[in-house]
Amino acid sequence: MLRRPFLQLGGLAALAAWLPVARAHHGWSSFDQGRPLYLEGRAVEVKWRNPHVELVLEARQPLVLPADLAQRTLPAQSAAVDGQGLLAKAQLPTRSDRRWEIELAPLSRVQQWQVPEITVGTELALLGFTFSGEKGAAVFRAEYLFLGGKVYGMRSSPT
């Protein structure tokens, strides 16, 4: 009789431990990959950990597409990504959120790219995606990270 409450409590504890990770992690299918967006600003919060590196970006105001964005050279990565096509189609978000929750790649992949650790105050830019119709929270899945004069792919490993 005493065993059942402990089993239920154990199950609830396991669920509670899993919930923050499930809330934070979004698969690629949740994002509108037909509408690449450009963001630029500074990191105001950083979580350098798995399941993926996360940060809160305070967007530069006013946000402007760089004139050279479509001509930027992108690194080769193991996934088949039409990076040049994404750069050519890039646009600014229509929503006016000042802060965005950014999802980068898993920590192991960020380390393979040798991305320097991002800290609070780091200036960076991103090309990626948000939810279809820009509905819901200001969450952004990065395809490319522009940091310190370098570009890093987030979809897969470098080749």
C-alpha atoms as a PDB file:
ATOM      1  CA  MET A   1       0.000   0.000   0.000  1.00  0.00           C
ATOM      2  CA  LEU A   2       2.763   2.424   0.882  1.00  0.00           C
ATOM      3  CA  ARG A   3       4.620   1.690  -2.389  1.00  0.00           C
ATOM      4  CA  ARG A   4       2.022   3.247  -4.745  1.00  0.00           C
ATOM      5  CA  PRO A   5       2.316   6.871  -3.454  1.00  0.00           C
ATOM      6  CA  PHE A   6       6.119   6.629  -3.765  1.00  0.00           C
ATOM      7  CA  LEU A   7       5.802   5.377  -7.355  1.00  0.00           C
ATOM      8  CA  GLN A   8       3.395   8.190  -8.207  1.00  0.00           C
ATOM      9  CA  LEU A   9       5.677  10.733  -6.552  1.00  0.00           C
ATOM     10  CA  GLY A  10       8.647   9.360  -8.490  1.00  0.00           C
ATOM     11  CA  GLY A  11       6.724   9.624 -11.751  1.00  0.00           C
ATOM     12  CA  LEU A  12       5.742  13.209 -11.002  1.00  0.00           C
ATOM     13  CA  ALA A  13       9.338  14.101 -10.163  1.00  0.00           C
ATOM     14  CA  ALA A  14      10.541  12.642 -13.462  1.00  0.00           C
ATOM     15  CA  LEU A  15       7.876  14.581 -15.357  1.00  0.00           C
ATOM     16  CA  ALA A  16       8.745  17.812 -13.551  1.00  0.00           C
ATOM     17  CA  ALA A  17      12.423  17.377 -14.422  1.00  0.00           C
ATOM     18  CA  TRP A  18      11.539  16.856 -18.090  1.00  0.00           C
ATOM     19  CA  LEU A  19       9.069  19.753 -18.511  1.00  0.00           C
ATOM     20  CA  PRO A  20      11.548  22.676 -18.629  1.00  0.00           C
ATOM     21  CA  VAL A  21      13.553  20.909 -21.333  1.00  0.00           C
ATOM     22  CA  ALA A  22      10.450  20.084 -23.355  1.00  0.00           C
ATOM     23  CA  ARG A  23       9.242  23.674 -23.156  1.00  0.00           C
ATOM     24  CA  ALA A  24      12.581  25.111 -24.236  1.00  0.00           C
ATOM     25  CA  HIS A  25      13.368  22.797 -27.116  1.00  0.00           C
ATOM     26  CA  HIS A  26      11.594  23.139 -30.454  1.00  0.00           C
ATOM     27  CA  GLY A  27      12.199  20.947 -33.508  1.00  0.00           C
ATOM     28  CA  TRP A  28      12.772  22.531 -36.907  1.00  0.00           C
ATOM     29  CA  SER A  29       9.226  21.679 -38.072  1.00  0.00           C
ATOM     30  CA  SER A  30       7.758  24.254 -35.657  1.00  0.00           C
ATOM     31  CA  PHE A  31       9.388  27.094 -37.579  1.00  0.00           C
ATOM     32  CA  ASP A  32       8.510  28.814 -40.871  1.00  0.00           C
ATOM     33  CA  GLN A  33      11.578  27.806 -42.879  1.00  0.00           C
ATOM     34  CA  GLY A  34      10.262  29.533 -46.003  1.00  0.00           C
ATOM     35  CA  ARG A  35      10.690  32.956 -44.413  1.00  0.00           C
ATOM     36  CA  PRO A  36      14.253  33.539 -43.172  1.00  0.00           C
ATOM     37  CA  LEU A  37      14.588  36.454 -40.773  1.00  0.00           C
ATOM     38  CA  TYR A  38      17.563  38.560 -39.756  1.00  0.00           C
ATOM     39  CA  LEU A  39      18.144  39.702 -36.179  1.00  0.00           C
ATOM     40  CA  GLU A  40      20.996  41.684 -34.693  1.00  0.00           C
ATOM     41  CA  GLY A  41      21.702  42.897 -31.182  1.00  0.00           C
ATOM     42  CA  ARG A  42      23.351  41.948 -27.927  1.00  0.00           C
ATOM     43  CA  ALA A  43      22.995  38.988 -25.604  1.00  0.00           C
ATOM     44  CA  VAL A  44      21.311  39.879 -22.313  1.00  0.00           C
ATOM     45  CA  GLU A  45      20.985  36.301 -20.983  1.00  0.00           C
ATOM     46  CA  VAL A  46      22.964  33.205 -21.987  1.00  0.00           C
ATOM     47  CA  LYS A  47      22.548  29.490 -21.193  1.00  0.00           C
ATOM     48  CA  TRP A  48      25.625  27.723 -22.555  1.00  0.00           C
ATOM     49  CA  ARG A  49      24.334  24.159 -22.127  1.00  0.00           C
ATOM     50  CA  ASN A  50      22.405  21.292 -23.696  1.00  0.00           C
ATOM     51  CA  PRO A  51      19.931  20.453 -25.178  1.00  0.00           C
ATOM     52  CA  HIS A  52      21.067  23.542 -27.116  1.00  0.00           C
ATOM     53  CA  VAL A  53      22.691  26.869 -26.399  1.00  0.00           C
ATOM     54  CA  GLU A  54      20.047  29.485 -25.638  1.00  0.00           C
ATOM     55  CA  LEU A  55      20.211  33.209 -25.243  1.00  0.00           C
ATOM     56  CA  VAL A  56      17.988  36.233 -25.012  1.00  0.00           C
ATOM     57  CA  LEU A  57      18.829  38.808 -27.643  1.00  0.00           C
ATOM     58  CA  GLU A  58      17.994  42.459 -27.196  1.00  0.00           C
ATOM     59  CA  ALA A  59      17.416  43.505 -30.789  1.00  0.00           C
ATOM     60  CA  ARG A  60      19.080  46.601 -32.174  1.00  0.00           C
ATOM     61  CA  GLN A  61      16.659  49.461 -32.748  1.00  0.00           C
ATOM     62  CA  PRO A  62      16.035  50.223 -35.500  1.00  0.00           C
ATOM     63  CA  LEU A  63      16.781  46.823 -36.994  1.00  0.00           C
ATOM     64  CA  VAL A  64      18.146  47.061 -40.546  1.00  0.00           C
ATOM     65  CA  LEU A  65      19.089  44.410 -43.119  1.00  0.00           C
ATOM     66  CA  PRO A  66      22.799  44.738 -43.942  1.00  0.00           C
ATOM     67  CA  ALA A  67      23.357  45.766 -47.574  1.00  0.00           C
ATOM     68  CA  ASP A  68      25.916  42.948 -48.036  1.00  0.00           C
ATOM     69  CA  LEU A  69      23.857  40.171 -46.429  1.00  0.00           C
ATOM     70  CA  ALA A  70      23.042  38.325 -49.670  1.00  0.00           C
ATOM     71  CA  GLN A  71      26.739  38.353 -50.690  1.00  0.00           C
ATOM     72  CA  ARG A  72      28.175  36.966 -47.463  1.00  0.00           C
ATOM     73  CA  THR A  73      30.238  33.805 -47.683  1.00  0.00           C
ATOM     74  CA  LEU A  74      28.793  30.912 -45.692  1.00  0.00           C
ATOM     75  CA  PRO A  75      30.722  27.949 -44.282  1.00  0.00           C
ATOM     76  CA  ALA A  76      30.249  24.433 -45.624  1.00  0.00           C
ATOM     77  CA  GLN A  77      28.264  22.160 -43.327  1.00  0.00           C
ATOM     78  CA  SER A  78      27.193  18.536 -43.450  1.00  0.00           C
ATOM     79  CA  ALA A  79      23.469  19.280 -43.954  1.00  0.00           C
ATOM     80  CA  ALA A  80      22.203  20.354 -47.364  1.00  0.00           C
ATOM     81  CA  VAL A  81      21.177  23.940 -46.628  1.00  0.00           C
ATOM     82  CA  ASP A  82      20.652  26.508 -49.396  1.00  0.00           C
ATOM     83  CA  GLY A  83      22.366  29.194 -47.380  1.00  0.00           C
ATOM     84  CA  GLN A  84      22.792  31.631 -50.270  1.00  0.00           C
ATOM     85  CA  GLY A  85      19.095  31.289 -51.070  1.00  0.00           C
ATOM     86  CA  LEU A  86      18.212  31.997 -47.445  1.00  0.00           C
ATOM     87  CA  LEU A  87      20.444  35.077 -47.386  1.00  0.00           C
ATOM     88  CA  ALA A  88      18.820  36.354 -50.593  1.00  0.00           C
ATOM     89  CA  LYS A  89      15.301  35.912 -49.124  1.00  0.00           C
ATOM     90  CA  ALA A  90      16.133  37.306 -45.669  1.00  0.00           C
ATOM     91  CA  GLN A  91      13.819  39.909 -44.216  1.00  0.00           C
ATOM     92  CA  LEU A  92      13.236  41.635 -40.924  1.00  0.00           C
ATOM     93  CA  PRO A  93      10.582  40.431 -38.487  1.00  0.00           C
ATOM     94  CA  THR A  94       7.277  42.273 -38.687  1.00  0.00           C
ATOM     95  CA  ARG A  95       6.716  42.021 -34.941  1.00  0.00           C
ATOM     96  CA  SER A  96       8.249  44.697 -32.749  1.00  0.00           C
ATOM     97  CA  ASP A  97       9.545  42.622 -29.841  1.00  0.00           C
ATOM     98  CA  ARG A  98      12.630  44.134 -28.257  1.00  0.00           C
ATOM     99  CA  ARG A  99      13.768  40.782 -26.812  1.00  0.00           C
ATOM    100  CA  TRP A 100      13.925  37.413 -28.563  1.00  0.00           C
ATOM    101  CA  GLU A 101      14.562  33.926 -27.174  1.00  0.00           C
ATOM    102  CA  ILE A 102      17.253  32.468 -29.421  1.00  0.00           C
ATOM    103  CA  GLU A 103      17.904  28.754 -29.887  1.00  0.00           C
ATOM    104  CA  LEU A 104      21.305  27.859 -31.283  1.00  0.00           C
ATOM    105  CA  ALA A 105      22.603  24.353 -31.976  1.00  0.00           C
ATOM    106  CA  PRO A 106      23.333  21.682 -29.352  1.00  0.00           C
ATOM    107  CA  LEU A 107      26.389  22.523 -27.274  1.00  0.00           C
ATOM    108  CA  SER A 108      28.437  19.703 -28.854  1.00  0.00           C
ATOM    109  CA  ARG A 109      27.812  21.123 -32.344  1.00  0.00           C
ATOM    110  CA  VAL A 110      28.579  24.680 -31.217  1.00  0.00           C
ATOM    111  CA  GLN A 111      31.878  23.316 -29.885  1.00  0.00           C
ATOM    112  CA  GLN A 112      32.595  21.533 -33.208  1.00  0.00           C
ATOM    113  CA  TRP A 113      32.222  24.896 -34.939  1.00  0.00           C
ATOM    114  CA  GLN A 114      34.583  26.362 -32.307  1.00  0.00           C
ATOM    115  CA  VAL A 115      32.147  29.161 -31.550  1.00  0.00           C
ATOM    116  CA  PRO A 116      33.626  31.387 -28.848  1.00  0.00           C
ATOM    117  CA  GLU A 117      31.503  31.339 -25.713  1.00  0.00           C
ATOM    118  CA  ILE A 118      28.835  34.016 -25.897  1.00  0.00           C
ATOM    119  CA  THR A 119      28.476  36.053 -22.722  1.00  0.00           C
ATOM    120  CA  VAL A 120      26.111  38.798 -21.592  1.00  0.00           C
ATOM    121  CA  GLY A 121      26.842  41.895 -23.662  1.00  0.00           C
ATOM    122  CA  THR A 122      28.163  40.025 -26.719  1.00  0.00           C
ATOM    123  CA  GLU A 123      27.097  41.648 -30.001  1.00  0.00           C
ATOM    124  CA  LEU A 124      25.909  39.170 -32.631  1.00  0.00           C
ATOM    125  CA  ALA A 125      23.616  38.708 -35.605  1.00  0.00           C
ATOM    126  CA  LEU A 126      21.529  35.755 -36.738  1.00  0.00           C
ATOM    127  CA  LEU A 127      19.685  34.417 -39.728  1.00  0.00           C
ATOM    128  CA  GLY A 128      16.938  31.970 -38.882  1.00  0.00           C
ATOM    129  CA  PHE A 129      13.263  31.367 -38.366  1.00  0.00           C
ATOM    130  CA  THR A 130      10.385  32.017 -36.027  1.00  0.00           C
ATOM    131  CA  PHE A 131       6.936  30.469 -35.818  1.00  0.00           C
ATOM    132  CA  SER A 132       4.617  30.631 -38.823  1.00  0.00           C
ATOM    133  CA  GLY A 133       2.934  33.999 -39.089  1.00  0.00           C
ATOM    134  CA  GLU A 134       5.232  35.210 -36.292  1.00  0.00           C
ATOM    135  CA  LYS A 135       2.568  33.978 -33.871  1.00  0.00           C
ATOM    136  CA  GLY A 136       3.246  33.098 -30.250  1.00  0.00           C
ATOM    137  CA  ALA A 137       6.355  33.920 -28.275  1.00  0.00           C
ATOM    138  CA  ALA A 138       9.319  35.743 -29.813  1.00  0.00           C
ATOM    139  CA  VAL A 139      11.307  32.534 -30.268  1.00  0.00           C
ATOM    140  CA  PHE A 140      13.945  32.308 -32.987  1.00  0.00           C
ATOM    141  CA  ARG A 141      15.757  29.224 -34.290  1.00  0.00           C
ATOM    142  CA  ALA A 142      19.160  30.201 -35.685  1.00  0.00           C
ATOM    143  CA  GLU A 143      20.345  28.796 -38.996  1.00  0.00           C
ATOM    144  CA  TYR A 144      23.471  30.983 -39.119  1.00  0.00           C
ATOM    145  CA  LEU A 145      25.288  32.863 -36.376  1.00  0.00           C
ATOM    146  CA  PHE A 146      27.365  35.931 -37.291  1.00  0.00           C
ATOM    147  CA  LEU A 147      29.849  36.541 -34.488  1.00  0.00           C
ATOM    148  CA  GLY A 148      33.195  38.292 -34.344  1.00  0.00           C
ATOM    149  CA  GLY A 149      33.508  38.586 -38.118  1.00  0.00           C
ATOM    150  CA  LYS A 150      32.847  34.860 -38.655  1.00  0.00           C
ATOM    151  CA  VAL A 151      29.797  32.876 -39.740  1.00  0.00           C
ATOM    152  CA  TYR A 152      28.777  29.587 -38.120  1.00  0.00           C
ATOM    153  CA  GLY A 153      26.207  27.086 -39.400  1.00  0.00           C
ATOM    154  CA  MET A 154      23.811  25.772 -36.766  1.00  0.00           C
ATOM    155  CA  ARG A 155      21.933  23.058 -38.681  1.00  0.00           C
ATOM    156  CA  SER A 156      24.775  20.534 -38.800  1.00  0.00           C
ATOM    157  CA  SER A 157      28.488  19.992 -38.299  1.00  0.00           C
ATOM    158  CA  PRO A 158      31.200  21.746 -40.272  1.00  0.00           C
ATOM    159  CA  THR A 159      32.662  19.787 -43.216  1.00  0.00           C
END
